[in-house]
Amino acid sequence: MATHISSSAEWRQIVGSHTIVVADFYADWCGPCKMIAPVFESLATKHAKPGKIAFCKVNVDTQRDVASQYGVRAMPTFIVLRSGSVVDTIQGANPPALTAAVDKAVKLAGPGGGTAFSGAGHRLGGTPVARPSSSSAPAAAARLPLPRDLASLWRALVAFCGLYFWTLFSIDPYKAAENSPFNLKNPPAPRGQAPGSGRPAARPGFKTLADLGSS
């Protein structure tokens, strides 16, 4: 919203406290001034920022000192000031020229002074949402059950696939898995040794061809 200047002191205060000041020097009896007034007000509503960009309306009949300070002789006259110095002047009711001058001035003012919202936020019911810190992220990752190295992962993969195919076509899958060479928990005893003991395995009750030959 544009500020209507009521005194020279107010004008100096606004110029001294804003980076950019866009001033509309007008007169109540001026037809073109009334025609472009809505355009100026729209630009003010869009771009005005407290302490950064100000839009002012200066009545040349009541604020003669301010008008004469900038040599205003035609209405409307728009003056753009940056840090108190005039950087642009537009004479006449020319909306495209005024809009271009304001856009240029906004760029001269630099980025906005506002900061992005950075609160933690709240869940439904008013419970605050905890924002994870950078130090807690590695701790959370450390709790994941990942293998220690690629060798462990490879052994687990081979054991799984081996047990699967070893028991796939067996009559007793549980027994086959128990005696499978891929059983990492309870590996089968070496050939010739009884499972779970260091003693040699008992010879089978039937005779083989080798037994018949030696007898």
Protein backbone atom coordinates (compact mmCIF):
# COMPACT_ATOMS: atom_id res chain seq x y z
CA MET A 1 0.00 0.00 0.00
CA ALA A 2 1.27 3.46 -0.89
CA THR A 3 1.96 6.05 1.83
CA HIS A 4 0.49 9.54 1.36
CA ILE A 5 3.19 12.01 2.40
CA SER A 6 1.89 14.62 4.83
CA SER A 7 5.12 16.54 5.58
CA SER A 8 8.71 17.02 4.50
CA ALA A 9 9.85 15.33 7.71
CA GLU A 10 7.82 12.20 6.90
CA TRP A 11 9.32 12.15 3.40
CA ARG A 12 12.86 12.36 4.76
CA GLN A 13 12.13 9.62 7.29
CA ILE A 14 10.86 7.23 4.61
CA VAL A 15 13.74 7.97 2.23
CA GLY A 16 16.27 7.44 5.03
CA SER A 17 14.77 4.14 6.21
CA HIS A 18 14.24 2.36 2.86
CA THR A 19 16.63 1.14 0.19
CA ILE A 20 14.18 1.90 -2.63
CA VAL A 21 11.50 4.62 -2.71
CA VAL A 22 9.05 4.94 -5.60
CA ALA A 23 7.23 8.30 -5.49
CA ASP A 24 4.12 9.37 -7.41
CA PHE A 25 4.00 13.17 -7.71
CA TYR A 26 0.37 13.96 -8.54
CA ALA A 27 -2.36 16.57 -8.29
CA ASP A 28 -6.04 16.14 -7.45
CA TRP A 29 -7.10 18.08 -10.57
CA CYS A 30 -4.90 15.95 -12.88
CA GLY A 31 -6.89 13.51 -15.09
CA PRO A 32 -3.92 11.33 -16.14
CA CYS A 33 -2.91 11.08 -12.48
CA LYS A 34 -6.29 9.57 -11.63
CA MET A 35 -6.06 7.21 -14.59
CA ILE A 36 -2.73 5.64 -13.58
CA ALA A 37 -3.36 5.74 -9.81
CA PRO A 38 -4.77 2.16 -9.70
CA VAL A 39 -1.67 0.87 -11.51
CA PHE A 40 0.62 2.54 -8.97
CA GLU A 41 -1.45 1.20 -6.06
CA SER A 42 -1.33 -2.31 -7.51
CA LEU A 43 2.47 -2.16 -7.82
CA ALA A 44 2.71 -0.88 -4.27
CA THR A 45 0.58 -3.73 -2.94
CA LYS A 46 2.73 -6.26 -4.79
CA HIS A 47 6.24 -4.97 -4.11
CA ALA A 48 6.24 -2.81 -0.96
CA LYS A 49 8.42 -4.21 1.84
CA PRO A 50 8.83 -2.52 5.23
CA GLY A 51 12.34 -1.17 5.66
CA LYS A 52 13.28 -2.09 2.08
CA ILE A 53 10.89 -0.82 -0.63
CA ALA A 54 8.42 2.04 -0.09
CA PHE A 55 5.78 3.54 -2.39
CA CYS A 56 4.77 7.14 -1.70
CA LYS A 57 2.20 9.53 -3.12
CA VAL A 58 3.21 13.19 -3.01
CA ASN A 59 0.57 15.85 -3.68
CA VAL A 60 2.42 18.67 -5.46
CA ASP A 61 -0.09 21.27 -4.22
CA THR A 62 0.36 20.46 -0.53
CA GLN A 63 3.99 19.31 -0.58
CA ARG A 64 5.60 22.00 -2.72
CA ASP A 65 8.96 21.73 -0.94
CA VAL A 66 9.32 18.03 -1.79
CA ALA A 67 8.17 18.57 -5.39
CA SER A 68 10.57 21.48 -5.95
CA GLN A 69 13.44 19.48 -4.42
CA TYR A 70 13.23 17.10 -7.41
CA GLY A 71 12.25 19.70 -10.01
CA VAL A 72 8.79 18.24 -10.66
CA ARG A 73 6.92 20.35 -13.25
CA ALA A 74 4.58 17.86 -14.95
CA MET A 75 1.99 15.53 -13.47
CA PRO A 76 2.12 12.71 -12.99
CA THR A 77 5.85 12.28 -12.46
CA PHE A 78 7.27 9.10 -10.96
CA ILE A 79 10.68 9.15 -9.32
CA VAL A 80 12.63 6.09 -8.16
CA LEU A 81 15.25 6.65 -5.46
CA ARG A 82 17.89 4.22 -4.30
CA SER A 83 19.58 5.05 -1.00
CA GLY A 84 18.31 8.62 -1.40
CA SER A 85 19.60 9.16 -4.96
CA VAL A 86 17.36 9.39 -8.04
CA VAL A 87 17.94 6.42 -10.38
CA ASP A 88 14.88 6.70 -12.64
CA THR A 89 12.23 9.25 -13.66
CA ILE A 90 9.02 8.64 -15.64
CA GLN A 91 6.84 11.55 -16.77
CA GLY A 92 3.23 11.05 -17.84
CA ALA A 93 0.66 8.28 -17.37
CA ASN A 94 2.63 5.43 -18.95
CA PRO A 95 1.77 2.11 -17.21
CA PRO A 96 4.29 -0.07 -19.13
CA ALA A 97 7.16 2.35 -18.41
CA LEU A 98 6.16 2.62 -14.75
CA THR A 99 5.92 -1.16 -14.37
CA ALA A 100 9.33 -1.66 -16.00
CA ALA A 101 10.91 0.96 -13.74
CA VAL A 102 9.43 -0.66 -10.62
CA ASP A 103 10.60 -4.13 -11.68
CA LYS A 104 14.09 -2.74 -12.20
CA ALA A 105 14.01 -1.07 -8.78
CA VAL A 106 12.88 -4.28 -7.07
CA LYS A 107 15.92 -6.05 -8.54
CA LEU A 108 18.16 -3.26 -7.28
CA ALA A 109 16.76 -3.79 -3.79
CA GLY A 110 18.18 -7.30 -3.78
CA PRO A 111 16.72 -10.49 -2.25
CA GLY A 112 13.91 -10.20 0.28
CA GLY A 113 14.83 -9.90 3.89
CA GLY A 114 12.37 -12.56 5.07
CA THR A 115 13.55 -15.95 6.23
CA ALA A 116 12.05 -19.25 5.22
CA PHE A 117 9.93 -21.05 7.81
CA SER A 118 12.20 -23.31 9.80
CA GLY A 119 10.03 -24.51 12.69
CA ALA A 120 9.87 -28.14 13.72
CA GLY A 121 6.12 -28.27 13.03
CA HIS A 122 3.37 -30.05 14.94
CA ARG A 123 1.41 -33.24 14.52
CA LEU A 124 -2.36 -33.31 14.74
CA GLY A 125 -3.24 -32.79 18.38
CA GLY A 126 -0.45 -30.30 19.03
CA THR A 127 2.44 -32.70 19.60
CA PRO A 128 5.66 -31.13 18.31
CA VAL A 129 7.52 -33.04 15.64
CA ALA A 130 11.14 -33.72 16.59
CA ARG A 131 13.59 -32.57 13.95
CA PRO A 132 16.38 -35.14 13.53
CA SER A 133 19.86 -33.80 14.13
CA SER A 134 22.86 -34.61 11.97
CA SER A 135 24.48 -36.50 14.86
CA SER A 136 21.49 -38.85 15.34
CA ALA A 137 21.33 -39.98 11.71
CA PRO A 138 24.46 -42.19 11.81
CA ALA A 139 23.28 -43.79 15.07
CA ALA A 140 19.96 -44.74 13.47
CA ALA A 141 21.77 -46.22 10.49
CA ALA A 142 24.08 -48.23 12.75
CA ARG A 143 21.10 -50.16 14.13
CA LEU A 144 20.25 -51.65 10.74
CA PRO A 145 21.12 -55.38 10.56
CA LEU A 146 23.60 -55.13 7.74
CA PRO A 147 26.38 -57.71 7.18
CA ARG A 148 29.82 -56.74 8.35
CA ASP A 149 31.43 -57.16 4.97
CA LEU A 150 30.85 -58.54 1.50
CA ALA A 151 32.40 -61.89 2.44
CA SER A 152 29.71 -62.47 5.09
CA LEU A 153 27.01 -61.50 2.63
CA TRP A 154 28.40 -63.89 0.01
CA ARG A 155 28.58 -66.81 2.47
CA ALA A 156 25.01 -66.23 3.60
CA LEU A 157 23.80 -66.08 0.00
CA VAL A 158 25.61 -69.31 -0.97
CA ALA A 159 24.28 -71.10 2.14
CA PHE A 160 20.70 -70.05 1.42
CA CYS A 161 20.78 -71.08 -2.24
CA GLY A 162 22.61 -74.33 -1.41
CA LEU A 163 20.11 -75.35 1.28
CA TYR A 164 17.21 -74.50 -1.02
CA PHE A 165 18.35 -76.67 -3.90
CA TRP A 166 19.70 -79.41 -1.56
CA THR A 167 16.27 -79.93 0.01
CA LEU A 168 14.15 -79.19 -3.06
CA PHE A 169 13.88 -82.79 -4.29
CA SER A 170 14.45 -84.65 -1.02
CA ILE A 171 11.82 -86.84 0.68
CA ASP A 172 12.68 -85.46 4.13
CA PRO A 173 13.66 -81.78 3.64
CA TYR A 174 14.40 -81.24 7.33
CA LYS A 175 16.78 -84.20 7.52
CA ALA A 176 18.35 -83.22 4.23
CA ALA A 177 18.95 -79.67 5.48
CA GLU A 178 20.43 -81.01 8.72
CA ASN A 179 22.94 -83.15 6.85
CA SER A 180 23.59 -80.60 4.09
CA PRO A 181 27.15 -79.28 3.65
CA PHE A 182 25.50 -75.83 3.40
CA ASN A 183 24.22 -76.00 6.98
CA LEU A 184 26.36 -73.32 8.65
CA LYS A 185 24.97 -73.89 12.15
CA ASN A 186 25.35 -77.66 12.39
CA PRO A 187 27.66 -78.79 9.60
CA PRO A 188 27.57 -82.57 8.97
CA ALA A 189 30.35 -84.62 10.44
CA PRO A 190 33.22 -85.58 8.12
CA ARG A 191 32.89 -88.86 6.26
CA GLY A 192 33.67 -91.78 8.51
CA GLN A 193 32.86 -89.93 11.74
CA ALA A 194 29.61 -90.07 13.67
CA PRO A 195 27.77 -86.74 13.77
CA GLY A 196 28.32 -84.86 17.04
CA SER A 197 31.19 -87.09 18.22
CA GLY A 198 34.82 -87.74 17.45
CA ARG A 199 34.27 -91.51 17.09
CA PRO A 200 34.26 -93.31 13.73
CA ALA A 201 30.84 -94.00 12.36
CA ALA A 202 29.46 -97.55 12.76
CA ARG A 203 29.77 -99.72 9.67
CA PRO A 204 26.53 -100.41 7.89
CA GLY A 205 24.71 -103.66 8.67
CA PHE A 206 24.93 -104.88 5.05
CA LYS A 207 28.07 -105.97 3.22
CA THR A 208 29.50 -104.24 0.20
CA LEU A 209 31.43 -105.83 -2.65
CA ALA A 210 34.65 -104.71 -0.96
CA ASP A 211 33.61 -106.58 2.22
CA LEU A 212 32.85 -109.73 0.28
CA GLY A 213 36.22 -109.57 -1.43
CA SER A 214 38.12 -109.22 1.84
CA SER A 215 36.26 -111.89 3.69
